[in-house]
Amino acid sequence: MSDSARQWLARADRAHRREDMEDFIERAAAGALVEIAETLEEISNALHKAQHATIPGEVERAASIYRDAMEDGRLPLKAVMKELDLTKPTASRRIRAARDLGLIPEKGEQA
């Protein structure tokens, strides 16, 4: 085989390896992106759950505020919102959790 033929074959082999390497890199990058997206989704879900978690101490405080408001003739939901600096949905969740734990009566029931 002539030197020029060997050189041509060597260049063709390097080009083939380069194409294989580029293909490998593209596939590896695509796989990594999928893993990153899945991890970000897991993190997002965990943060969402943490934001909406009901803290036991907060539930007990909400129940106490609720009971005091009822005794004072105030609106209990608004009292819990104000005193704990909570949004209406979060205050409602705390009150629901307190009811579920039996710390305050169900609506319409006497304490």
PDB file of N, CA and C in Angstrom:
ATOM      1  N   MET A   1       0.857  -1.169   0.000  1.00  0.00           N
ATOM      2  CA  MET A   1       0.000   0.000   0.000  1.00  0.00           C
ATOM      3  C   MET A   1       0.899   1.226   0.000  1.00  0.00           C
ATOM      4  N   SER A   2       0.499   2.196  -0.794  1.00  0.00           N
ATOM      5  CA  SER A   2       1.324   3.396  -0.907  1.00  0.00           C
ATOM      6  C   SER A   2       1.142   4.289   0.312  1.00  0.00           C
ATOM      7  N   ASP A   3       2.098   5.184   0.505  1.00  0.00           N
ATOM      8  CA  ASP A   3       2.017   6.124   1.632  1.00  0.00           C
ATOM      9  C   ASP A   3       0.780   7.011   1.527  1.00  0.00           C
ATOM     10  N   SER A   4       0.449   7.437   0.326  1.00  0.00           N
ATOM     11  CA  SER A   4      -0.719   8.316   0.173  1.00  0.00           C
ATOM     12  C   SER A   4      -2.009   7.559   0.494  1.00  0.00           C
ATOM     13  N   ALA A   5      -2.083   6.297   0.172  1.00  0.00           N
ATOM     14  CA  ALA A   5      -3.261   5.493   0.484  1.00  0.00           C
ATOM     15  C   ALA A   5      -3.376   5.307   1.987  1.00  0.00           C
ATOM     16  N   ARG A   6      -2.214   5.039   2.637  1.00  0.00           N
ATOM     17  CA  ARG A   6      -2.230   4.899   4.096  1.00  0.00           C
ATOM     18  C   ARG A   6      -2.664   6.204   4.763  1.00  0.00           C
ATOM     19  N   GLN A   7      -2.172   7.323   4.267  1.00  0.00           N
ATOM     20  CA  GLN A   7      -2.549   8.616   4.826  1.00  0.00           C
ATOM     21  C   GLN A   7      -4.054   8.850   4.650  1.00  0.00           C
ATOM     22  N   TRP A   8      -4.547   8.481   3.482  1.00  0.00           N
ATOM     23  CA  TRP A   8      -5.985   8.664   3.227  1.00  0.00           C
ATOM     24  C   TRP A   8      -6.799   7.790   4.181  1.00  0.00           C
ATOM     25  N   LEU A   9      -6.408   6.547   4.361  1.00  0.00           N
ATOM     26  CA  LEU A   9      -7.108   5.641   5.273  1.00  0.00           C
ATOM     27  C   LEU A   9      -7.034   6.152   6.719  1.00  0.00           C
ATOM     28  N   ALA A  10      -5.888   6.674   7.121  1.00  0.00           N
ATOM     29  CA  ALA A  10      -5.723   7.200   8.478  1.00  0.00           C
ATOM     30  C   ALA A  10      -6.659   8.403   8.682  1.00  0.00           C
ATOM     31  N   ARG A  11      -6.722   9.295   7.674  1.00  0.00           N
ATOM     32  CA  ARG A  11      -7.642  10.445   7.784  1.00  0.00           C
ATOM     33  C   ARG A  11      -9.088   9.993   7.841  1.00  0.00           C
ATOM     34  N   ALA A  12      -9.453   8.990   7.041  1.00  0.00           N
ATOM     35  CA  ALA A  12     -10.826   8.485   7.036  1.00  0.00           C
ATOM     36  C   ALA A  12     -11.152   7.860   8.388  1.00  0.00           C
ATOM     37  N   ASP A  13     -10.191   7.131   8.970  1.00  0.00           N
ATOM     38  CA  ASP A  13     -10.408   6.517  10.281  1.00  0.00           C
ATOM     39  C   ASP A  13     -10.582   7.591  11.354  1.00  0.00           C
ATOM     40  N   ARG A  14      -9.751   8.637  11.337  1.00  0.00           N
ATOM     41  CA  ARG A  14      -9.888   9.728  12.318  1.00  0.00           C
ATOM     42  C   ARG A  14     -11.226  10.429  12.157  1.00  0.00           C
ATOM     43  N   ALA A  15     -11.654  10.646  10.926  1.00  0.00           N
ATOM     44  CA  ALA A  15     -12.947  11.302  10.682  1.00  0.00           C
ATOM     45  C   ALA A  15     -14.081  10.431  11.200  1.00  0.00           C
ATOM     46  N   HIS A  16     -13.982   9.129  10.975  1.00  0.00           N
ATOM     47  CA  HIS A  16     -15.013   8.200  11.450  1.00  0.00           C
ATOM     48  C   HIS A  16     -15.065   8.219  12.985  1.00  0.00           C
ATOM     49  N   ARG A  17     -13.882   8.191  13.627  1.00  0.00           N
ATOM     50  CA  ARG A  17     -13.840   8.256  15.086  1.00  0.00           C
ATOM     51  C   ARG A  17     -14.409   9.569  15.598  1.00  0.00           C
ATOM     52  N   ARG A  18     -14.107  10.659  14.904  1.00  0.00           N
ATOM     53  CA  ARG A  18     -14.623  11.970  15.302  1.00  0.00           C
ATOM     54  C   ARG A  18     -16.148  11.988  15.215  1.00  0.00           C
ATOM     55  N   GLU A  19     -16.703  11.407  14.138  1.00  0.00           N
ATOM     56  CA  GLU A  19     -18.163  11.331  14.001  1.00  0.00           C
ATOM     57  C   GLU A  19     -18.761  10.471  15.113  1.00  0.00           C
ATOM     58  N   ASP A  20     -18.120   9.338  15.408  1.00  0.00           N
ATOM     59  CA  ASP A  20     -18.593   8.489  16.498  1.00  0.00           C
ATOM     60  C   ASP A  20     -18.551   9.234  17.827  1.00  0.00           C
ATOM     61  N   MET A  21     -17.468   9.975  18.061  1.00  0.00           N
ATOM     62  CA  MET A  21     -17.321  10.716  19.302  1.00  0.00           C
ATOM     63  C   MET A  21     -18.386  11.818  19.389  1.00  0.00           C
ATOM     64  N   GLU A  22     -18.615  12.518  18.300  1.00  0.00           N
ATOM     65  CA  GLU A  22     -19.648  13.564  18.304  1.00  0.00           C
ATOM     66  C   GLU A  22     -21.019  12.966  18.588  1.00  0.00           C
ATOM     67  N   ASP A  23     -21.298  11.813  17.984  1.00  0.00           N
ATOM     68  CA  ASP A  23     -22.573  11.135  18.221  1.00  0.00           C
ATOM     69  C   ASP A  23     -22.685  10.712  19.689  1.00  0.00           C
ATOM     70  N   PHE A  24     -21.601  10.175  20.244  1.00  0.00           N
ATOM     71  CA  PHE A  24     -21.588   9.767  21.642  1.00  0.00           C
ATOM     72  C   PHE A  24     -21.829  10.974  22.560  1.00  0.00           C
ATOM     73  N   ILE A  25     -21.169  12.060  22.274  1.00  0.00           N
ATOM     74  CA  ILE A  25     -21.319  13.271  23.094  1.00  0.00           C
ATOM     75  C   ILE A  25     -22.756  13.785  23.030  1.00  0.00           C
ATOM     76  N   GLU A  26     -23.336  13.785  21.843  1.00  0.00           N
ATOM     77  CA  GLU A  26     -24.723  14.237  21.703  1.00  0.00           C
ATOM     78  C   GLU A  26     -25.676  13.354  22.512  1.00  0.00           C
ATOM     79  N   ARG A  27     -25.481  12.044  22.432  1.00  0.00           N
ATOM     80  CA  ARG A  27     -26.349  11.131  23.190  1.00  0.00           C
ATOM     81  C   ARG A  27     -26.137  11.286  24.695  1.00  0.00           C
ATOM     82  N   ALA A  28     -24.897  11.440  25.124  1.00  0.00           N
ATOM     83  CA  ALA A  28     -24.605  11.618  26.555  1.00  0.00           C
ATOM     84  C   ALA A  28     -25.207  12.921  27.054  1.00  0.00           C
ATOM     85  N   ALA A  29     -25.092  13.981  26.271  1.00  0.00           N
ATOM     86  CA  ALA A  29     -25.650  15.274  26.670  1.00  0.00           C
ATOM     87  C   ALA A  29     -27.172  15.199  26.773  1.00  0.00           C
ATOM     88  N   ALA A  30     -27.794  14.525  25.831  1.00  0.00           N
ATOM     89  CA  ALA A  30     -29.256  14.387  25.869  1.00  0.00           C
ATOM     90  C   ALA A  30     -29.682  13.615  27.113  1.00  0.00           C
ATOM     91  N   GLY A  31     -28.971  12.551  27.435  1.00  0.00           N
ATOM     92  CA  GLY A  31     -29.278  11.772  28.633  1.00  0.00           C
ATOM     93  C   GLY A  31     -29.081  12.597  29.896  1.00  0.00           C
ATOM     94  N   ALA A  32     -28.019  13.383  29.928  1.00  0.00           N
ATOM     95  CA  ALA A  32     -27.758  14.224  31.093  1.00  0.00           C
ATOM     96  C   ALA A  32     -28.851  15.272  31.257  1.00  0.00           C
ATOM     97  N   LEU A  33     -29.313  15.827  30.158  1.00  0.00           N
ATOM     98  CA  LEU A  33     -30.391  16.822  30.233  1.00  0.00           C
ATOM     99  C   LEU A  33     -31.671  16.212  30.785  1.00  0.00           C
ATOM    100  N   VAL A  34     -31.971  14.985  30.393  1.00  0.00           N
ATOM    101  CA  VAL A  34     -33.153  14.305  30.920  1.00  0.00           C
ATOM    102  C   VAL A  34     -33.005  14.102  32.426  1.00  0.00           C
ATOM    103  N   GLU A  35     -31.823  13.668  32.864  1.00  0.00           N
ATOM    104  CA  GLU A  35     -31.589  13.465  34.298  1.00  0.00           C
ATOM    105  C   GLU A  35     -31.691  14.783  35.061  1.00  0.00           C
ATOM    106  N   ILE A  36     -31.154  15.848  34.509  1.00  0.00           N
ATOM    107  CA  ILE A  36     -31.227  17.167  35.151  1.00  0.00           C
ATOM    108  C   ILE A  36     -32.679  17.611  35.268  1.00  0.00           C
ATOM    109  N   ALA A  37     -33.444  17.442  34.214  1.00  0.00           N
ATOM    110  CA  ALA A  37     -34.859  17.833  34.238  1.00  0.00           C
ATOM    111  C   ALA A  37     -35.622  17.037  35.296  1.00  0.00           C
ATOM    112  N   GLU A  38     -35.361  15.746  35.388  1.00  0.00           N
ATOM    113  CA  GLU A  38     -36.033  14.907  36.391  1.00  0.00           C
ATOM    114  C   GLU A  38     -35.648  15.337  37.806  1.00  0.00           C
ATOM    115  N   THR A  39     -34.377  15.642  38.006  1.00  0.00           N
ATOM    116  CA  THR A  39     -33.914  16.081  39.323  1.00  0.00           C
ATOM    117  C   THR A  39     -34.540  17.418  39.691  1.00  0.00           C
ATOM    118  N   LEU A  40     -34.597  18.331  38.751  1.00  0.00           N
ATOM    119  CA  LEU A  40     -35.221  19.633  39.013  1.00  0.00           C
ATOM    120  C   LEU A  40     -36.697  19.476  39.355  1.00  0.00           C
ATOM    121  N   GLU A  41     -37.372  18.555  38.694  1.00  0.00           N
ATOM    122  CA  GLU A  41     -38.781  18.304  38.998  1.00  0.00           C
ATOM    123  C   GLU A  41     -38.938  17.746  40.415  1.00  0.00           C
ATOM    124  N   GLU A  42     -38.041  16.836  40.803  1.00  0.00           N
ATOM    125  CA  GLU A  42     -38.082  16.290  42.164  1.00  0.00           C
ATOM    126  C   GLU A  42     -37.847  17.387  43.195  1.00  0.00           C
ATOM    127  N   ILE A  43     -36.898  18.258  42.938  1.00  0.00           N
ATOM    128  CA  ILE A  43     -36.612  19.369  43.848  1.00  0.00           C
ATOM    129  C   ILE A  43     -37.808  20.293  43.939  1.00  0.00           C
ATOM    130  N   SER A  44     -38.399  20.602  42.806  1.00  0.00           N
ATOM    131  CA  SER A  44     -39.573  21.476  42.779  1.00  0.00           C
ATOM    132  C   SER A  44     -40.724  20.875  43.577  1.00  0.00           C
ATOM    133  N   ASN A  45     -40.964  19.575  43.403  1.00  0.00           N
ATOM    134  CA  ASN A  45     -42.026  18.901  44.154  1.00  0.00           C
ATOM    135  C   ASN A  45     -41.750  18.921  45.649  1.00  0.00           C
ATOM    136  N   ALA A  46     -40.493  18.685  46.034  1.00  0.00           N
ATOM    137  CA  ALA A  46     -40.135  18.691  47.453  1.00  0.00           C
ATOM    138  C   ALA A  46     -40.329  20.083  48.050  1.00  0.00           C
ATOM    139  N   LEU A  47     -39.944  21.120  47.313  1.00  0.00           N
ATOM    140  CA  LEU A  47     -40.131  22.487  47.797  1.00  0.00           C
ATOM    141  C   LEU A  47     -41.610  22.821  47.937  1.00  0.00           C
ATOM    142  N   HIS A  48     -42.399  22.383  46.975  1.00  0.00           N
ATOM    143  CA  HIS A  48     -43.843  22.635  47.032  1.00  0.00           C
ATOM    144  C   HIS A  48     -44.449  21.968  48.267  1.00  0.00           C
ATOM    145  N   LYS A  49     -44.066  20.725  48.521  1.00  0.00           N
ATOM    146  CA  LYS A  49     -44.580  20.015  49.694  1.00  0.00           C
ATOM    147  C   LYS A  49     -44.134  20.708  50.976  1.00  0.00           C
ATOM    148  N   ALA A  50     -42.885  21.157  51.001  1.00  0.00           N
ATOM    149  CA  ALA A  50     -42.366  21.820  52.203  1.00  0.00           C
ATOM    150  C   ALA A  50     -43.105  23.129  52.459  1.00  0.00           C
ATOM    151  N   GLN A  51     -43.432  23.853  51.391  1.00  0.00           N
ATOM    152  CA  GLN A  51     -44.149  25.116  51.546  1.00  0.00           C
ATOM    153  C   GLN A  51     -45.551  24.894  52.096  1.00  0.00           C
ATOM    154  N   HIS A  52     -46.140  23.749  51.791  1.00  0.00           N
ATOM    155  CA  HIS A  52     -47.516  23.487  52.203  1.00  0.00           C
ATOM    156  C   HIS A  52     -47.605  22.545  53.399  1.00  0.00           C
ATOM    157  N   ALA A  53     -46.450  22.239  53.972  1.00  0.00           N
ATOM    158  CA  ALA A  53     -46.457  21.355  55.141  1.00  0.00           C
ATOM    159  C   ALA A  53     -47.116  22.076  56.311  1.00  0.00           C
ATOM    160  N   THR A  54     -47.804  21.322  57.127  1.00  0.00           N
ATOM    161  CA  THR A  54     -48.439  21.869  58.313  1.00  0.00           C
ATOM    162  C   THR A  54     -47.542  21.578  59.499  1.00  0.00           C
ATOM    163  N   ILE A  55     -47.074  22.623  60.124  1.00  0.00           N
ATOM    164  CA  ILE A  55     -46.168  22.502  61.255  1.00  0.00           C
ATOM    165  C   ILE A  55     -46.997  22.285  62.515  1.00  0.00           C
ATOM    166  N   PRO A  56     -46.718  21.220  63.285  1.00  0.00           N
ATOM    167  CA  PRO A  56     -47.533  20.919  64.465  1.00  0.00           C
ATOM    168  C   PRO A  56     -47.669  22.104  65.432  1.00  0.00           C
ATOM    169  N   GLY A  57     -46.599  22.798  65.732  1.00  0.00           N
ATOM    170  CA  GLY A  57     -46.671  23.950  66.628  1.00  0.00           C
ATOM    171  C   GLY A  57     -47.588  25.035  66.092  1.00  0.00           C
ATOM    172  N   GLU A  58     -47.553  25.211  64.786  1.00  0.00           N
ATOM    173  CA  GLU A  58     -48.423  26.199  64.147  1.00  0.00           C
ATOM    174  C   GLU A  58     -49.888  25.783  64.266  1.00  0.00           C
ATOM    175  N   VAL A  59     -50.147  24.499  64.175  1.00  0.00           N
ATOM    176  CA  VAL A  59     -51.522  24.001  64.287  1.00  0.00           C
ATOM    177  C   VAL A  59     -52.041  24.260  65.696  1.00  0.00           C
ATOM    178  N   GLU A  60     -51.211  23.982  66.683  1.00  0.00           N
ATOM    179  CA  GLU A  60     -51.621  24.223  68.069  1.00  0.00           C
ATOM    180  C   GLU A  60     -51.852  25.713  68.324  1.00  0.00           C
ATOM    181  N   ARG A  61     -50.974  26.558  67.782  1.00  0.00           N
ATOM    182  CA  ARG A  61     -51.158  28.015  67.936  1.00  0.00           C
ATOM    183  C   ARG A  61     -52.430  28.468  67.237  1.00  0.00           C
ATOM    184  N   ALA A  62     -52.672  27.944  66.035  1.00  0.00           N
ATOM    185  CA  ALA A  62     -53.882  28.308  65.295  1.00  0.00           C
ATOM    186  C   ALA A  62     -55.121  27.897  66.083  1.00  0.00           C
ATOM    187  N   ALA A  63     -55.084  26.722  66.703  1.00  0.00           N
ATOM    188  CA  ALA A  63     -56.228  26.247  67.491  1.00  0.00           C
ATOM    189  C   ALA A  63     -56.470  27.170  68.682  1.00  0.00           C
ATOM    190  N   SER A  64     -55.396  27.559  69.348  1.00  0.00           N
ATOM    191  CA  SER A  64     -55.517  28.447  70.505  1.00  0.00           C
ATOM    192  C   SER A  64     -56.095  29.804  70.087  1.00  0.00           C
ATOM    193  N   ILE A  65     -55.578  30.359  69.005  1.00  0.00           N
ATOM    194  CA  ILE A  65     -56.074  31.644  68.494  1.00  0.00           C
ATOM    195  C   ILE A  65     -57.537  31.509  68.089  1.00  0.00           C
ATOM    196  N   TYR A  66     -57.868  30.407  67.433  1.00  0.00           N
ATOM    197  CA  TYR A  66     -59.239  30.139  66.991  1.00  0.00           C
ATOM    198  C   TYR A  66     -60.182  30.139  68.194  1.00  0.00           C
ATOM    199  N   ARG A  67     -59.806  29.377  69.231  1.00  0.00           N
ATOM    200  CA  ARG A  67     -60.660  29.290  70.431  1.00  0.00           C
ATOM    201  C   ARG A  67     -60.817  30.666  71.092  1.00  0.00           C
ATOM    202  N   ASP A  68     -59.725  31.399  71.219  1.00  0.00           N
ATOM    203  CA  ASP A  68     -59.791  32.743  71.818  1.00  0.00           C
ATOM    204  C   ASP A  68     -60.696  33.657  71.012  1.00  0.00           C
ATOM    205  N   ALA A  69     -60.583  33.589  69.696  1.00  0.00           N
ATOM    206  CA  ALA A  69     -61.404  34.443  68.834  1.00  0.00           C
ATOM    207  C   ALA A  69     -62.880  34.100  68.997  1.00  0.00           C
ATOM    208  N   MET A  70     -63.177  32.813  69.077  1.00  0.00           N
ATOM    209  CA  MET A  70     -64.574  32.389  69.261  1.00  0.00           C
ATOM    210  C   MET A  70     -65.119  32.935  70.588  1.00  0.00           C
ATOM    211  N   GLU A  71     -64.318  32.847  71.641  1.00  0.00           N
ATOM    212  CA  GLU A  71     -64.747  33.348  72.958  1.00  0.00           C
ATOM    213  C   GLU A  71     -64.945  34.867  72.944  1.00  0.00           C
ATOM    214  N   ASP A  72     -64.108  35.573  72.187  1.00  0.00           N
ATOM    215  CA  ASP A  72     -64.165  37.032  72.134  1.00  0.00           C
ATOM    216  C   ASP A  72     -65.166  37.554  71.107  1.00  0.00           C
ATOM    217  N   GLY A  73     -65.781  36.656  70.354  1.00  0.00           N
ATOM    218  CA  GLY A  73     -66.738  37.077  69.341  1.00  0.00           C
ATOM    219  C   GLY A  73     -66.088  37.586  68.059  1.00  0.00           C
ATOM    220  N   ARG A  74     -64.802  37.274  67.877  1.00  0.00           N
ATOM    221  CA  ARG A  74     -64.104  37.677  66.638  1.00  0.00           C
ATOM    222  C   ARG A  74     -64.230  36.573  65.598  1.00  0.00           C
ATOM    223  N   LEU A  75     -63.930  36.917  64.360  1.00  0.00           N
ATOM    224  CA  LEU A  75     -63.925  35.921  63.287  1.00  0.00           C
ATOM    225  C   LEU A  75     -62.646  35.096  63.406  1.00  0.00           C
ATOM    226  N   PRO A  76     -62.778  33.789  63.673  1.00  0.00           N
ATOM    227  CA  PRO A  76     -61.595  32.967  63.944  1.00  0.00           C
ATOM    228  C   PRO A  76     -60.604  32.883  62.782  1.00  0.00           C
ATOM    229  N   LEU A  77     -61.095  32.739  61.570  1.00  0.00           N
ATOM    230  CA  LEU A  77     -60.189  32.646  60.424  1.00  0.00           C
ATOM    231  C   LEU A  77     -59.368  33.914  60.303  1.00  0.00           C
ATOM    232  N   LYS A  78     -60.028  35.043  60.388  1.00  0.00           N
ATOM    233  CA  LYS A  78     -59.305  36.320  60.280  1.00  0.00           C
ATOM    234  C   LYS A  78     -58.313  36.484  61.425  1.00  0.00           C
ATOM    235  N   ALA A  79     -58.691  36.021  62.626  1.00  0.00           N
ATOM    236  CA  ALA A  79     -57.784  36.114  63.771  1.00  0.00           C
ATOM    237  C   ALA A  79     -56.533  35.274  63.533  1.00  0.00           C
ATOM    238  N   VAL A  80     -56.709  34.053  63.034  1.00  0.00           N
ATOM    239  CA  VAL A  80     -55.562  33.183  62.749  1.00  0.00           C
ATOM    240  C   VAL A  80     -54.697  33.803  61.662  1.00  0.00           C
ATOM    241  N   MET A  81     -55.321  34.330  60.621  1.00  0.00           N
ATOM    242  CA  MET A  81     -54.569  34.969  59.539  1.00  0.00           C
ATOM    243  C   MET A  81     -53.723  36.116  60.087  1.00  0.00           C
ATOM    244  N   LYS A  82     -54.351  36.962  60.886  1.00  0.00           N
ATOM    245  CA  LYS A  82     -53.678  38.159  61.386  1.00  0.00           C
ATOM    246  C   LYS A  82     -52.567  37.818  62.370  1.00  0.00           C
ATOM    247  N   GLU A  83     -52.881  37.001  63.356  1.00  0.00           N
ATOM    248  CA  GLU A  83     -51.910  36.732  64.419  1.00  0.00           C
ATOM    249  C   GLU A  83     -50.741  35.867  63.978  1.00  0.00           C
ATOM    250  N   LEU A  84     -50.969  35.006  63.005  1.00  0.00           N
ATOM    251  CA  LEU A  84     -49.879  34.159  62.503  1.00  0.00           C
ATOM    252  C   LEU A  84     -49.302  34.678  61.186  1.00  0.00           C
ATOM    253  N   ASP A  85     -49.846  35.783  60.689  1.00  0.00           N
ATOM    254  CA  ASP A  85     -49.400  36.380  59.423  1.00  0.00           C
ATOM    255  C   ASP A  85     -49.429  35.342  58.294  1.00  0.00           C
ATOM    256  N   LEU A  86     -50.624  34.763  58.110  1.00  0.00           N
ATOM    257  CA  LEU A  86     -50.808  33.726  57.097  1.00  0.00           C
ATOM    258  C   LEU A  86     -51.790  34.189  56.035  1.00  0.00           C
ATOM    259  N   THR A  87     -51.673  33.603  54.856  1.00  0.00           N
ATOM    260  CA  THR A  87     -52.677  33.840  53.824  1.00  0.00           C
ATOM    261  C   THR A  87     -53.942  33.082  54.211  1.00  0.00           C
ATOM    262  N   LYS A  88     -55.040  33.413  53.572  1.00  0.00           N
ATOM    263  CA  LYS A  88     -56.301  32.742  53.881  1.00  0.00           C
ATOM    264  C   LYS A  88     -56.220  31.227  53.642  1.00  0.00           C
ATOM    265  N   PRO A  89     -55.677  30.785  52.500  1.00  0.00           N
ATOM    266  CA  PRO A  89     -55.592  29.331  52.286  1.00  0.00           C
ATOM    267  C   PRO A  89     -54.734  28.625  53.338  1.00  0.00           C
ATOM    268  N   THR A  90     -53.612  29.236  53.725  1.00  0.00           N
ATOM    269  CA  THR A  90     -52.741  28.605  54.713  1.00  0.00           C
ATOM    270  C   THR A  90     -53.407  28.580  56.078  1.00  0.00           C
ATOM    271  N   ALA A  91     -54.055  29.680  56.465  1.00  0.00           N
ATOM    272  CA  ALA A  91     -54.771  29.711  57.743  1.00  0.00           C
ATOM    273  C   ALA A  91     -55.877  28.661  57.745  1.00  0.00           C
ATOM    274  N   SER A  92     -56.569  28.516  56.627  1.00  0.00           N
ATOM    275  CA  SER A  92     -57.630  27.504  56.521  1.00  0.00           C
ATOM    276  C   SER A  92     -57.065  26.097  56.683  1.00  0.00           C
ATOM    277  N   ARG A  93     -55.883  25.840  56.104  1.00  0.00           N
ATOM    278  CA  ARG A  93     -55.247  24.520  56.253  1.00  0.00           C
ATOM    279  C   ARG A  93     -54.883  24.260  57.714  1.00  0.00           C
ATOM    280  N   ARG A  94     -54.376  25.291  58.395  1.00  0.00           N
ATOM    281  CA  ARG A  94     -54.027  25.127  59.810  1.00  0.00           C
ATOM    282  C   ARG A  94     -55.283  24.817  60.634  1.00  0.00           C
ATOM    283  N   ILE A  95     -56.363  25.517  60.347  1.00  0.00           N
ATOM    284  CA  ILE A  95     -57.618  25.292  61.069  1.00  0.00           C
ATOM    285  C   ILE A  95     -58.147  23.887  60.773  1.00  0.00           C
ATOM    286  N   ARG A  96     -58.081  23.462  59.517  1.00  0.00           N
ATOM    287  CA  ARG A  96     -58.524  22.113  59.140  1.00  0.00           C
ATOM    288  C   ARG A  96     -57.687  21.075  59.883  1.00  0.00           C
ATOM    289  N   ALA A  97     -56.377  21.295  59.941  1.00  0.00           N
ATOM    290  CA  ALA A  97     -55.494  20.354  60.645  1.00  0.00           C
ATOM    291  C   ALA A  97     -55.846  20.313  62.130  1.00  0.00           C
ATOM    292  N   ALA A  98     -56.146  21.472  62.716  1.00  0.00           N
ATOM    293  CA  ALA A  98     -56.535  21.523  64.134  1.00  0.00           C
ATOM    294  C   ALA A  98     -57.837  20.758  64.350  1.00  0.00           C
ATOM    295  N   ARG A  99     -58.777  20.891  63.426  1.00  0.00           N
ATOM    296  CA  ARG A  99     -60.043  20.136  63.533  1.00  0.00           C
ATOM    297  C   ARG A  99     -59.778  18.640  63.416  1.00  0.00           C
ATOM    298  N   ASP A 100     -58.923  18.278  62.458  1.00  0.00           N
ATOM    299  CA  ASP A 100     -58.612  16.861  62.255  1.00  0.00           C
ATOM    300  C   ASP A 100     -57.974  16.248  63.495  1.00  0.00           C
ATOM    301  N   LEU A 101     -57.225  17.061  64.243  1.00  0.00           N
ATOM    302  CA  LEU A 101     -56.574  16.580  65.459  1.00  0.00           C
ATOM    303  C   LEU A 101     -57.477  16.685  66.688  1.00  0.00           C
ATOM    304  N   GLY A 102     -58.675  17.224  66.485  1.00  0.00           N
ATOM    305  CA  GLY A 102     -59.612  17.359  67.593  1.00  0.00           C
ATOM    306  C   GLY A 102     -59.290  18.518  68.530  1.00  0.00           C
ATOM    307  N   LEU A 103     -58.456  19.454  68.070  1.00  0.00           N
ATOM    308  CA  LEU A 103     -58.079  20.591  68.909  1.00  0.00           C
ATOM    309  C   LEU A 103     -59.173  21.657  68.953  1.00  0.00           C
ATOM    310  N   ILE A 104     -59.966  21.689  67.898  1.00  0.00           N
ATOM    311  CA  ILE A 104     -61.131  22.600  67.838  1.00  0.00           C
ATOM    312  C   ILE A 104     -62.298  21.825  67.237  1.00  0.00           C
ATOM    313  N   PRO A 105     -63.524  22.244  67.554  1.00  0.00           N
ATOM    314  CA  PRO A 105     -64.678  21.486  67.046  1.00  0.00           C
ATOM    315  C   PRO A 105     -64.894  21.722  65.556  1.00  0.00           C
ATOM    316  N   GLU A 106     -65.623  20.801  64.972  1.00  0.00           N
ATOM    317  CA  GLU A 106     -66.041  20.986  63.591  1.00  0.00           C
ATOM    318  C   GLU A 106     -66.971  22.182  63.519  1.00  0.00           C
ATOM    319  N   LYS A 107     -67.106  22.756  62.335  1.00  0.00           N
ATOM    320  CA  LYS A 107     -68.037  23.882  62.173  1.00  0.00           C
ATOM    321  C   LYS A 107     -69.422  23.479  62.634  1.00  0.00           C
ATOM    322  N   GLY A 108     -70.067  24.363  63.376  1.00  0.00           N
ATOM    323  CA  GLY A 108     -71.421  24.118  63.824  1.00  0.00           C
ATOM    324  C   GLY A 108     -71.505  23.317  65.111  1.00  0.00           C
ATOM    325  N   GLU A 109     -70.370  22.770  65.580  1.00  0.00           N
ATOM    326  CA  GLU A 109     -70.374  22.017  66.838  1.00  0.00           C
ATOM    327  C   GLU A 109     -69.961  22.945  67.968  1.00  0.00           C
ATOM    328  N   GLN A 110     -70.429  22.659  69.138  1.00  0.00           N
ATOM    329  CA  GLN A 110     -70.023  23.420  70.331  1.00  0.00           C
ATOM    330  C   GLN A 110     -68.737  22.812  70.897  1.00  0.00           C
ATOM    331  N   ALA A 111     -67.925  23.673  71.486  1.00  0.00           N
ATOM    332  CA  ALA A 111     -66.676  23.200  72.083  1.00  0.00           C
ATOM    333  C   ALA A 111     -66.934  22.394  73.330  1.00  0.00           C
TER     334      ALA A 111
END
